Amino acid sequence: MSEFLRKLRWSVRRREKDAELREELEFHLSEETKECKAAGLSESQARSAAQRDLGNVTLIAENTRAKWGWPILEQFIRDTLFAWRTLLRAPSFTATAVLTLALGIGSTSAVFSVVRGVLLKPLPYRDPDRIVAIFETKPKGNNPRNVIAPGNLVEWRARSRSLEHIGMIGASRKNLMLRGQPEEVTGLFASSDVFRALGVTAARGRTFLPEEDEAGKDQVVILSHEFWRSKLDARDDVIGFKLIMNSEPRTVIGVMPPEFTINGRKADYFITYGWTIEDLRSEPGRGFSYCVARLRNVV
């Protein structure tokens, strides 16, 4: 600490200290010159001999300043100021250089974000290597990711031997009454098996039960962690709280963990499809929906 304070005082009084250093070096050089003249040398010879005996005055001054301050930091500041002055003298070159750096850094950051999210950062699910996404393929037409019919989901659940917890996901948009004001929010339809397939549990409360996939038993909702904090002020009594969505009351049964997403899509809420018997017998799909499932563990 004392060393730091000493260097700090020198930095504050740098000009004064530099003047004192020059005076001290000049004094030693003058005294050495006098001794050489007393030995019988001329003025010029005595000055040269004194300089040889004393050494490189400039080097001595630089070494002394290095002991007093922070030479690396000072050099960095000098280089930065020099570079800044150079760039100001050539504004066209500066604009081109800055734009090139911005594009390079931006593209590199974007690529790294994708690589980190896809390759480096593990998915926030249990055993993510066992999770699969399922789409239908339309035979007539070039559509490898077609909408899935609820009736086919029932058949897959009954017949599949390699998959378990097959759940359906689809986009949703609702009008919500908050503090007496309507607000449009976006969420996801998610059947009860979706959270089991992903291996994720609620941070508060629970996720959907199988019977809540059915019409008449689907008046429940799960909230995202961000929605719970920003729109409901992270209230402790959120479980059991009633929300009015599209003029219908829904009971909050759970709050998901922070940053929870499905396929990278953030949602304010999750609701079940509320299927009727006719829905489960239908062939065409409703909206854009796909399935997620978990490979059965055969070990």
C-alpha atoms as a PDB file:
ATOM      1  CA  MET A   1       0.000   0.000   0.000  1.00  0.00           C
ATOM      2  CA  SER A   2       2.813   2.397   0.796  1.00  0.00           C
ATOM      3  CA  GLU A   3       4.408   1.645  -2.579  1.00  0.00           C
ATOM      4  CA  PHE A   4       1.086   2.295  -4.306  1.00  0.00           C
ATOM      5  CA  LEU A   5       0.568   5.593  -2.471  1.00  0.00           C
ATOM      6  CA  ARG A   6       4.116   6.691  -3.282  1.00  0.00           C
ATOM      7  CA  LYS A   7       3.591   6.039  -7.000  1.00  0.00           C
ATOM      8  CA  LEU A   8       0.211   7.723  -6.880  1.00  0.00           C
ATOM      9  CA  ARG A   9       1.732  10.872  -5.366  1.00  0.00           C
ATOM     10  CA  TRP A  10       4.399  10.878  -8.067  1.00  0.00           C
ATOM     11  CA  SER A  11       1.733  10.562 -10.788  1.00  0.00           C
ATOM     12  CA  VAL A  12      -0.179  13.511  -9.363  1.00  0.00           C
ATOM     13  CA  ARG A  13       2.999  15.647  -9.082  1.00  0.00           C
ATOM     14  CA  ARG A  14       4.645  14.263 -12.226  1.00  0.00           C
ATOM     15  CA  ARG A  15       5.722  17.585 -13.762  1.00  0.00           C
ATOM     16  CA  GLU A  16       7.149  18.854 -10.497  1.00  0.00           C
ATOM     17  CA  LYS A  17       9.014  15.589  -9.890  1.00  0.00           C
ATOM     18  CA  ASP A  18      10.384  15.564 -13.452  1.00  0.00           C
ATOM     19  CA  ALA A  19      11.734  19.090 -12.972  1.00  0.00           C
ATOM     20  CA  GLU A  20      13.393  18.047  -9.704  1.00  0.00           C
ATOM     21  CA  LEU A  21      14.929  15.009 -11.435  1.00  0.00           C
ATOM     22  CA  ARG A  22      16.349  17.140 -14.262  1.00  0.00           C
ATOM     23  CA  GLU A  23      17.789  19.611 -11.766  1.00  0.00           C
ATOM     24  CA  GLU A  24      19.397  16.805  -9.762  1.00  0.00           C
ATOM     25  CA  LEU A  25      20.968  15.211 -12.838  1.00  0.00           C
ATOM     26  CA  GLU A  26      22.210  18.583 -14.070  1.00  0.00           C
ATOM     27  CA  PHE A  27      23.699  19.262 -10.624  1.00  0.00           C
ATOM     28  CA  HIS A  28      25.635  15.962 -10.638  1.00  0.00           C
ATOM     29  CA  LEU A  29      26.812  16.621 -14.196  1.00  0.00           C
ATOM     30  CA  SER A  30      27.922  20.131 -13.238  1.00  0.00           C
ATOM     31  CA  GLU A  31      29.847  18.900 -10.192  1.00  0.00           C
ATOM     32  CA  GLU A  32      31.539  16.190 -12.248  1.00  0.00           C
ATOM     33  CA  THR A  33      32.477  18.783 -14.879  1.00  0.00           C
ATOM     34  CA  LYS A  34      34.066  21.007 -12.215  1.00  0.00           C
ATOM     35  CA  GLU A  35      36.187  18.103 -10.952  1.00  0.00           C
ATOM     36  CA  CYS A  36      37.384  17.351 -14.492  1.00  0.00           C
ATOM     37  CA  LYS A  37      38.274  21.017 -15.100  1.00  0.00           C
ATOM     38  CA  ALA A  38      40.200  21.052 -11.815  1.00  0.00           C
ATOM     39  CA  ALA A  39      42.202  18.135 -13.187  1.00  0.00           C
ATOM     40  CA  GLY A  40      43.384  20.356 -16.065  1.00  0.00           C
ATOM     41  CA  LEU A  41      40.837  19.637 -18.831  1.00  0.00           C
ATOM     42  CA  SER A  42      39.233  22.290 -20.971  1.00  0.00           C
ATOM     43  CA  GLU A  43      35.555  23.170 -20.686  1.00  0.00           C
ATOM     44  CA  SER A  44      34.440  20.954 -23.563  1.00  0.00           C
ATOM     45  CA  GLN A  45      36.736  18.090 -22.556  1.00  0.00           C
ATOM     46  CA  ALA A  46      35.584  18.331 -18.929  1.00  0.00           C
ATOM     47  CA  ARG A  47      31.911  18.243 -20.041  1.00  0.00           C
ATOM     48  CA  SER A  48      32.468  15.189 -22.218  1.00  0.00           C
ATOM     49  CA  ALA A  49      34.422  13.399 -19.506  1.00  0.00           C
ATOM     50  CA  ALA A  50      31.688  14.173 -16.960  1.00  0.00           C
ATOM     51  CA  GLN A  51      29.022  12.761 -19.245  1.00  0.00           C
ATOM     52  CA  ARG A  52      31.055   9.572 -19.755  1.00  0.00           C
ATOM     53  CA  ASP A  53      31.564   9.150 -16.023  1.00  0.00           C
ATOM     54  CA  LEU A  54      27.947   9.876 -15.128  1.00  0.00           C
ATOM     55  CA  GLY A  55      26.477   7.758 -17.936  1.00  0.00           C
ATOM     56  CA  ASN A  56      23.511   8.239 -20.275  1.00  0.00           C
ATOM     57  CA  VAL A  57      21.491  10.981 -18.567  1.00  0.00           C
ATOM     58  CA  THR A  58      18.323  10.248 -20.583  1.00  0.00           C
ATOM     59  CA  LEU A  59      18.506   6.534 -19.721  1.00  0.00           C
ATOM     60  CA  ILE A  60      19.050   7.330 -16.051  1.00  0.00           C
ATOM     61  CA  ALA A  61      15.982   9.586 -16.086  1.00  0.00           C
ATOM     62  CA  GLU A  62      13.832   6.906 -17.770  1.00  0.00           C
ATOM     63  CA  ASN A  63      14.936   4.210 -15.306  1.00  0.00           C
ATOM     64  CA  THR A  64      14.203   6.543 -12.398  1.00  0.00           C
ATOM     65  CA  ARG A  65      10.716   7.337 -13.727  1.00  0.00           C
ATOM     66  CA  ALA A  66      10.077   3.583 -14.141  1.00  0.00           C
ATOM     67  CA  LYS A  67      10.815   3.103 -10.445  1.00  0.00           C
ATOM     68  CA  TRP A  68       8.559   5.979  -9.473  1.00  0.00           C
ATOM     69  CA  GLY A  69       5.462   5.169 -11.591  1.00  0.00           C
ATOM     70  CA  TRP A  70       3.688   2.520 -13.717  1.00  0.00           C
ATOM     71  CA  PRO A  71       5.637   2.401 -17.009  1.00  0.00           C
ATOM     72  CA  ILE A  72       3.403  -0.187 -18.711  1.00  0.00           C
ATOM     73  CA  LEU A  73       0.254   1.819 -17.991  1.00  0.00           C
ATOM     74  CA  GLU A  74       1.917   5.050 -19.058  1.00  0.00           C
ATOM     75  CA  GLN A  75       3.126   3.472 -22.309  1.00  0.00           C
ATOM     76  CA  PHE A  76      -0.383   2.159 -22.988  1.00  0.00           C
ATOM     77  CA  ILE A  77      -1.862   5.629 -22.465  1.00  0.00           C
ATOM     78  CA  ARG A  78       0.752   7.218 -24.729  1.00  0.00           C
ATOM     79  CA  ASP A  79       0.154   4.620 -27.452  1.00  0.00           C
ATOM     80  CA  THR A  80      -3.624   5.066 -27.176  1.00  0.00           C
ATOM     81  CA  LEU A  81      -3.371   8.846 -27.486  1.00  0.00           C
ATOM     82  CA  PHE A  82      -0.998   8.512 -30.427  1.00  0.00           C
ATOM     83  CA  ALA A  83      -3.347   6.105 -32.189  1.00  0.00           C
ATOM     84  CA  TRP A  84      -6.317   8.394 -31.513  1.00  0.00           C
ATOM     85  CA  ARG A  85      -4.510  11.411 -32.968  1.00  0.00           C
ATOM     86  CA  THR A  86      -3.505   9.372 -36.006  1.00  0.00           C
ATOM     87  CA  LEU A  87      -7.083   8.263 -36.626  1.00  0.00           C
ATOM     88  CA  LEU A  88      -8.404  11.812 -36.284  1.00  0.00           C
ATOM     89  CA  ARG A  89      -6.034  12.951 -39.025  1.00  0.00           C
ATOM     90  CA  ALA A  90      -7.604  10.447 -41.481  1.00  0.00           C
ATOM     91  CA  PRO A  91     -11.384  10.348 -40.842  1.00  0.00           C
ATOM     92  CA  SER A  92     -12.183   8.304 -43.967  1.00  0.00           C
ATOM     93  CA  PHE A  93      -9.709   5.603 -43.045  1.00  0.00           C
ATOM     94  CA  THR A  94     -10.978   5.694 -39.447  1.00  0.00           C
ATOM     95  CA  ALA A  95     -14.612   5.211 -40.523  1.00  0.00           C
ATOM     96  CA  THR A  96     -13.658   2.296 -42.775  1.00  0.00           C
ATOM     97  CA  ALA A  97     -11.556   0.664 -40.052  1.00  0.00           C
ATOM     98  CA  VAL A  98     -14.263   1.058 -37.405  1.00  0.00           C
ATOM     99  CA  LEU A  99     -16.951  -0.318 -39.737  1.00  0.00           C
ATOM    100  CA  THR A 100     -14.764  -3.288 -40.648  1.00  0.00           C
ATOM    101  CA  LEU A 101     -14.064  -4.024 -36.984  1.00  0.00           C
ATOM    102  CA  ALA A 102     -17.756  -3.689 -36.111  1.00  0.00           C
ATOM    103  CA  LEU A 103     -18.792  -6.125 -38.847  1.00  0.00           C
ATOM    104  CA  GLY A 104     -16.040  -8.566 -37.919  1.00  0.00           C
ATOM    105  CA  ILE A 105     -16.777  -8.491 -34.201  1.00  0.00           C
ATOM    106  CA  GLY A 106     -20.534  -8.661 -34.776  1.00  0.00           C
ATOM    107  CA  SER A 107     -20.365 -11.644 -37.134  1.00  0.00           C
ATOM    108  CA  THR A 108     -17.893 -13.442 -34.890  1.00  0.00           C
ATOM    109  CA  SER A 109     -20.118 -12.882 -31.856  1.00  0.00           C
ATOM    110  CA  ALA A 110     -23.156 -14.160 -33.740  1.00  0.00           C
ATOM    111  CA  VAL A 111     -21.344 -17.303 -34.882  1.00  0.00           C
ATOM    112  CA  PHE A 112     -19.996 -17.922 -31.390  1.00  0.00           C
ATOM    113  CA  SER A 113     -23.483 -17.492 -29.900  1.00  0.00           C
ATOM    114  CA  VAL A 114     -24.825 -20.157 -32.248  1.00  0.00           C
ATOM    115  CA  VAL A 115     -21.902 -22.500 -31.599  1.00  0.00           C
ATOM    116  CA  ARG A 116     -22.203 -21.988 -27.846  1.00  0.00           C
ATOM    117  CA  GLY A 117     -25.943 -22.558 -27.840  1.00  0.00           C
ATOM    118  CA  VAL A 118     -25.863 -25.590 -30.146  1.00  0.00           C
ATOM    119  CA  LEU A 119     -22.551 -27.305 -29.388  1.00  0.00           C
ATOM    120  CA  LEU A 120     -21.017 -26.022 -26.155  1.00  0.00           C
ATOM    121  CA  LYS A 121     -23.901 -25.166 -23.827  1.00  0.00           C
ATOM    122  CA  PRO A 122     -25.824 -28.247 -22.703  1.00  0.00           C
ATOM    123  CA  LEU A 123     -29.588 -28.213 -23.148  1.00  0.00           C
ATOM    124  CA  PRO A 124     -31.438 -27.449 -19.894  1.00  0.00           C
ATOM    125  CA  TYR A 125     -33.237 -30.785 -19.932  1.00  0.00           C
ATOM    126  CA  ARG A 126     -32.656 -34.144 -18.301  1.00  0.00           C
ATOM    127  CA  ASP A 127     -30.742 -36.549 -20.594  1.00  0.00           C
ATOM    128  CA  PRO A 128     -31.108 -34.253 -23.629  1.00  0.00           C
ATOM    129  CA  ASP A 129     -29.601 -36.856 -25.962  1.00  0.00           C
ATOM    130  CA  ARG A 130     -32.770 -38.942 -25.538  1.00  0.00           C
ATOM    131  CA  ILE A 131     -35.169 -36.154 -26.556  1.00  0.00           C
ATOM    132  CA  VAL A 132     -36.556 -36.159 -30.106  1.00  0.00           C
ATOM    133  CA  ALA A 133     -38.898 -33.914 -32.093  1.00  0.00           C
ATOM    134  CA  ILE A 134     -41.561 -35.479 -34.304  1.00  0.00           C
ATOM    135  CA  PHE A 135     -43.240 -33.997 -37.387  1.00  0.00           C
ATOM    136  CA  GLU A 136     -45.575 -35.407 -39.993  1.00  0.00           C
ATOM    137  CA  THR A 137     -44.537 -35.461 -43.636  1.00  0.00           C
ATOM    138  CA  LYS A 138     -47.141 -34.728 -46.257  1.00  0.00           C
ATOM    139  CA  PRO A 139     -46.837 -37.349 -49.034  1.00  0.00           C
ATOM    140  CA  LYS A 140     -48.067 -35.019 -51.754  1.00  0.00           C
ATOM    141  CA  GLY A 141     -46.010 -31.864 -51.567  1.00  0.00           C
ATOM    142  CA  ASN A 142     -42.647 -30.792 -50.319  1.00  0.00           C
ATOM    143  CA  ASN A 143     -43.467 -30.306 -46.640  1.00  0.00           C
ATOM    144  CA  PRO A 144     -41.214 -32.378 -44.340  1.00  0.00           C
ATOM    145  CA  ARG A 145     -42.586 -30.655 -41.206  1.00  0.00           C
ATOM    146  CA  ASN A 146     -46.326 -30.789 -41.520  1.00  0.00           C
ATOM    147  CA  VAL A 147     -48.909 -30.196 -38.779  1.00  0.00           C
ATOM    148  CA  ILE A 148     -49.606 -33.194 -36.546  1.00  0.00           C
ATOM    149  CA  ALA A 149     -53.157 -34.396 -36.033  1.00  0.00           C
ATOM    150  CA  PRO A 150     -54.213 -35.135 -32.437  1.00  0.00           C
ATOM    151  CA  GLY A 151     -55.607 -38.467 -33.592  1.00  0.00           C
ATOM    152  CA  ASN A 152     -52.175 -39.547 -34.766  1.00  0.00           C
ATOM    153  CA  LEU A 153     -50.728 -38.569 -31.381  1.00  0.00           C
ATOM    154  CA  VAL A 154     -53.137 -41.013 -29.737  1.00  0.00           C
ATOM    155  CA  GLU A 155     -52.054 -43.762 -32.141  1.00  0.00           C
ATOM    156  CA  TRP A 156     -48.351 -43.081 -31.571  1.00  0.00           C
ATOM    157  CA  ARG A 157     -48.810 -43.274 -27.821  1.00  0.00           C
ATOM    158  CA  ALA A 158     -50.607 -46.591 -28.128  1.00  0.00           C
ATOM    159  CA  ARG A 159     -48.322 -48.244 -30.679  1.00  0.00           C
ATOM    160  CA  SER A 160     -44.842 -46.848 -30.148  1.00  0.00           C
ATOM    161  CA  ARG A 161     -42.327 -49.192 -28.536  1.00  0.00           C
ATOM    162  CA  SER A 162     -39.262 -46.961 -28.827  1.00  0.00           C
ATOM    163  CA  LEU A 163     -40.728 -43.703 -27.499  1.00  0.00           C
ATOM    164  CA  GLU A 164     -42.273 -42.647 -24.225  1.00  0.00           C
ATOM    165  CA  HIS A 165     -43.965 -39.470 -22.964  1.00  0.00           C
ATOM    166  CA  ILE A 166     -45.040 -38.247 -26.412  1.00  0.00           C
ATOM    167  CA  GLY A 167     -46.362 -34.698 -26.012  1.00  0.00           C
ATOM    168  CA  MET A 168     -47.632 -32.049 -28.400  1.00  0.00           C
ATOM    169  CA  ILE A 169     -46.592 -28.374 -28.571  1.00  0.00           C
ATOM    170  CA  GLY A 170     -48.197 -25.500 -30.448  1.00  0.00           C
ATOM    171  CA  ALA A 171     -48.283 -21.704 -30.513  1.00  0.00           C
ATOM    172  CA  SER A 172     -50.882 -19.801 -28.493  1.00  0.00           C
ATOM    173  CA  ARG A 173     -51.931 -16.183 -28.086  1.00  0.00           C
ATOM    174  CA  LYS A 174     -54.385 -14.922 -25.471  1.00  0.00           C
ATOM    175  CA  ASN A 175     -55.853 -11.673 -24.178  1.00  0.00           C
ATOM    176  CA  LEU A 176     -55.149 -11.331 -20.484  1.00  0.00           C
ATOM    177  CA  MET A 177     -56.651  -8.992 -17.918  1.00  0.00           C
ATOM    178  CA  LEU A 178     -53.962  -7.551 -15.650  1.00  0.00           C
ATOM    179  CA  ARG A 179     -54.799  -4.885 -13.073  1.00  0.00           C
ATOM    180  CA  GLY A 180     -58.009  -4.172 -14.942  1.00  0.00           C
ATOM    181  CA  GLN A 181     -56.216  -3.615 -18.269  1.00  0.00           C
ATOM    182  CA  PRO A 182     -56.275  -6.014 -21.261  1.00  0.00           C
ATOM    183  CA  GLU A 183     -52.941  -7.198 -22.580  1.00  0.00           C
ATOM    184  CA  GLU A 184     -52.065  -9.647 -25.346  1.00  0.00           C
ATOM    185  CA  VAL A 185     -49.586 -12.310 -24.294  1.00  0.00           C
ATOM    186  CA  THR A 186     -47.965 -15.155 -26.197  1.00  0.00           C
ATOM    187  CA  GLY A 187     -47.518 -18.667 -24.917  1.00  0.00           C
ATOM    188  CA  LEU A 188     -47.553 -22.309 -25.913  1.00  0.00           C
ATOM    189  CA  PHE A 189     -50.030 -25.133 -25.938  1.00  0.00           C
ATOM    190  CA  ALA A 190     -48.352 -28.052 -24.209  1.00  0.00           C
ATOM    191  CA  SER A 191     -49.912 -31.410 -23.475  1.00  0.00           C
ATOM    192  CA  SER A 192     -49.130 -33.033 -20.137  1.00  0.00           C
ATOM    193  CA  ASP A 193     -46.449 -35.324 -21.566  1.00  0.00           C
ATOM    194  CA  VAL A 194     -44.327 -32.428 -22.870  1.00  0.00           C
ATOM    195  CA  PHE A 195     -42.742 -31.651 -19.497  1.00  0.00           C
ATOM    196  CA  ARG A 196     -42.190 -35.353 -18.787  1.00  0.00           C
ATOM    197  CA  ALA A 197     -40.525 -35.775 -22.169  1.00  0.00           C
ATOM    198  CA  LEU A 198     -38.205 -32.847 -21.445  1.00  0.00           C
ATOM    199  CA  GLY A 199     -37.556 -34.052 -17.895  1.00  0.00           C
ATOM    200  CA  VAL A 200     -38.369 -30.626 -16.425  1.00  0.00           C
ATOM    201  CA  THR A 201     -40.363 -29.883 -13.291  1.00  0.00           C
ATOM    202  CA  ALA A 202     -41.927 -26.651 -12.135  1.00  0.00           C
ATOM    203  CA  ALA A 203     -39.967 -24.336  -9.839  1.00  0.00           C
ATOM    204  CA  ARG A 204     -43.213 -23.670  -7.970  1.00  0.00           C
ATOM    205  CA  GLY A 205     -46.297 -25.825  -7.969  1.00  0.00           C
ATOM    206  CA  ARG A 206     -46.585 -28.571 -10.577  1.00  0.00           C
ATOM    207  CA  THR A 207     -46.940 -29.267 -14.283  1.00  0.00           C
ATOM    208  CA  PHE A 208     -50.017 -30.649 -16.048  1.00  0.00           C
ATOM    209  CA  LEU A 209     -51.752 -33.895 -15.122  1.00  0.00           C
ATOM    210  CA  PRO A 210     -52.874 -36.251 -17.954  1.00  0.00           C
ATOM    211  CA  GLU A 211     -56.563 -35.597 -17.267  1.00  0.00           C
ATOM    212  CA  GLU A 212     -56.009 -31.846 -17.742  1.00  0.00           C
ATOM    213  CA  ASP A 213     -55.469 -32.452 -21.480  1.00  0.00           C
ATOM    214  CA  GLU A 214     -59.231 -33.030 -21.787  1.00  0.00           C
ATOM    215  CA  ALA A 215     -61.845 -30.362 -22.480  1.00  0.00           C
ATOM    216  CA  GLY A 216     -63.606 -29.217 -19.321  1.00  0.00           C
ATOM    217  CA  LYS A 217     -60.591 -29.984 -17.149  1.00  0.00           C
ATOM    218  CA  ASP A 218     -58.172 -27.677 -18.927  1.00  0.00           C
ATOM    219  CA  GLN A 219     -58.841 -24.398 -17.107  1.00  0.00           C
ATOM    220  CA  VAL A 220     -55.322 -24.345 -15.688  1.00  0.00           C
ATOM    221  CA  VAL A 221     -52.202 -22.434 -16.646  1.00  0.00           C
ATOM    222  CA  ILE A 222     -48.458 -22.606 -15.955  1.00  0.00           C
ATOM    223  CA  LEU A 223     -46.509 -19.340 -15.976  1.00  0.00           C
ATOM    224  CA  SER A 224     -42.955 -18.595 -17.017  1.00  0.00           C
ATOM    225  CA  HIS A 225     -40.607 -17.375 -14.315  1.00  0.00           C
ATOM    226  CA  GLU A 226     -40.144 -14.022 -16.103  1.00  0.00           C
ATOM    227  CA  PHE A 227     -43.903 -13.467 -16.418  1.00  0.00           C
ATOM    228  CA  TRP A 228     -44.439 -14.300 -12.741  1.00  0.00           C
ATOM    229  CA  ARG A 229     -41.800 -11.755 -11.684  1.00  0.00           C
ATOM    230  CA  SER A 230     -42.582  -8.934 -14.125  1.00  0.00           C
ATOM    231  CA  LYS A 231     -46.388  -9.118 -14.348  1.00  0.00           C
ATOM    232  CA  LEU A 232     -47.355 -10.574 -10.960  1.00  0.00           C
ATOM    233  CA  ASP A 233     -44.557  -9.039  -8.881  1.00  0.00           C
ATOM    234  CA  ALA A 234     -43.304 -12.507  -7.880  1.00  0.00           C
ATOM    235  CA  ARG A 235     -46.207 -12.910  -5.471  1.00  0.00           C
ATOM    236  CA  ASP A 236     -45.825 -15.857  -3.084  1.00  0.00           C
ATOM    237  CA  ASP A 237     -49.477 -16.883  -3.344  1.00  0.00           C
ATOM    238  CA  VAL A 238     -49.357 -17.313  -7.131  1.00  0.00           C
ATOM    239  CA  ILE A 239     -50.327 -21.004  -6.944  1.00  0.00           C
ATOM    240  CA  GLY A 240     -54.109 -21.035  -7.039  1.00  0.00           C
ATOM    241  CA  PHE A 241     -54.284 -17.466  -8.358  1.00  0.00           C
ATOM    242  CA  LYS A 242     -56.981 -16.859 -10.990  1.00  0.00           C
ATOM    243  CA  LEU A 243     -56.103 -15.287 -14.327  1.00  0.00           C
ATOM    244  CA  ILE A 244     -58.725 -14.133 -16.820  1.00  0.00           C
ATOM    245  CA  MET A 245     -57.595 -15.264 -20.276  1.00  0.00           C
ATOM    246  CA  ASN A 246     -59.925 -14.640 -23.233  1.00  0.00           C
ATOM    247  CA  SER A 247     -62.695 -13.883 -20.702  1.00  0.00           C
ATOM    248  CA  GLU A 248     -62.266 -17.320 -19.083  1.00  0.00           C
ATOM    249  CA  PRO A 249     -60.763 -17.902 -15.620  1.00  0.00           C
ATOM    250  CA  ARG A 250     -57.720 -20.148 -15.400  1.00  0.00           C
ATOM    251  CA  THR A 251     -56.049 -21.325 -12.221  1.00  0.00           C
ATOM    252  CA  VAL A 252     -52.266 -20.979 -11.933  1.00  0.00           C
ATOM    253  CA  ILE A 253     -50.855 -24.388 -10.976  1.00  0.00           C
ATOM    254  CA  GLY A 254     -47.138 -23.809 -11.529  1.00  0.00           C
ATOM    255  CA  VAL A 255     -44.228 -21.500 -12.347  1.00  0.00           C
ATOM    256  CA  MET A 256     -41.392 -22.803 -14.520  1.00  0.00           C
ATOM    257  CA  PRO A 257     -37.669 -22.329 -13.704  1.00  0.00           C
ATOM    258  CA  PRO A 258     -35.854 -19.183 -14.873  1.00  0.00           C
ATOM    259  CA  GLU A 259     -34.822 -19.092 -18.552  1.00  0.00           C
ATOM    260  CA  PHE A 260     -36.912 -22.188 -19.338  1.00  0.00           C
ATOM    261  CA  THR A 261     -37.677 -22.431 -23.065  1.00  0.00           C
ATOM    262  CA  ILE A 262     -38.954 -25.075 -25.442  1.00  0.00           C
ATOM    263  CA  ASN A 263     -36.948 -25.303 -28.651  1.00  0.00           C
ATOM    264  CA  GLY A 264     -35.520 -21.865 -27.875  1.00  0.00           C
ATOM    265  CA  ARG A 265     -38.985 -20.251 -27.824  1.00  0.00           C
ATOM    266  CA  LYS A 266     -39.790 -18.210 -24.742  1.00  0.00           C
ATOM    267  CA  ALA A 267     -43.411 -18.185 -23.642  1.00  0.00           C
ATOM    268  CA  ASP A 268     -45.333 -16.176 -21.055  1.00  0.00           C
ATOM    269  CA  TYR A 269     -47.584 -19.112 -20.220  1.00  0.00           C
ATOM    270  CA  PHE A 270     -48.357 -22.755 -20.989  1.00  0.00           C
ATOM    271  CA  ILE A 271     -51.862 -24.192 -21.352  1.00  0.00           C
ATOM    272  CA  THR A 272     -53.197 -27.593 -22.403  1.00  0.00           C
ATOM    273  CA  TYR A 273     -55.079 -28.197 -25.649  1.00  0.00           C
ATOM    274  CA  GLY A 274     -58.368 -29.154 -23.986  1.00  0.00           C
ATOM    275  CA  TRP A 275     -59.066 -31.897 -26.507  1.00  0.00           C
ATOM    276  CA  THR A 276     -62.556 -33.235 -27.105  1.00  0.00           C
ATOM    277  CA  ILE A 277     -63.297 -36.750 -28.340  1.00  0.00           C
ATOM    278  CA  GLU A 278     -63.792 -35.311 -31.823  1.00  0.00           C
ATOM    279  CA  ASP A 279     -60.361 -33.653 -31.693  1.00  0.00           C
ATOM    280  CA  LEU A 280     -58.652 -36.931 -30.838  1.00  0.00           C
ATOM    281  CA  ARG A 281     -60.384 -38.670 -33.733  1.00  0.00           C
ATOM    282  CA  SER A 282     -59.568 -35.952 -36.261  1.00  0.00           C
ATOM    283  CA  GLU A 283     -57.102 -36.401 -39.068  1.00  0.00           C
ATOM    284  CA  PRO A 284     -56.085 -32.811 -39.920  1.00  0.00           C
ATOM    285  CA  GLY A 285     -53.979 -30.934 -37.419  1.00  0.00           C
ATOM    286  CA  ARG A 286     -55.021 -27.685 -35.779  1.00  0.00           C
ATOM    287  CA  GLY A 287     -52.551 -24.791 -36.059  1.00  0.00           C
ATOM    288  CA  PHE A 288     -48.830 -25.441 -36.125  1.00  0.00           C
ATOM    289  CA  SER A 289     -48.097 -28.243 -33.709  1.00  0.00           C
ATOM    290  CA  TYR A 290     -45.329 -30.776 -33.398  1.00  0.00           C
ATOM    291  CA  CYS A 291     -44.420 -33.446 -30.894  1.00  0.00           C
ATOM    292  CA  VAL A 292     -41.567 -34.060 -28.522  1.00  0.00           C
ATOM    293  CA  ALA A 293     -40.833 -37.402 -26.972  1.00  0.00           C
ATOM    294  CA  ARG A 294     -38.214 -39.274 -25.038  1.00  0.00           C
ATOM    295  CA  LEU A 295     -36.430 -42.351 -26.369  1.00  0.00           C
ATOM    296  CA  ARG A 296     -37.302 -45.309 -24.194  1.00  0.00           C
ATOM    297  CA  ASN A 297     -34.451 -46.497 -22.004  1.00  0.00           C
ATOM    298  CA  VAL A 298     -33.820 -50.086 -23.071  1.00  0.00           C
ATOM    299  CA  VAL A 299     -30.988 -50.721 -20.572  1.00  0.00           C
END
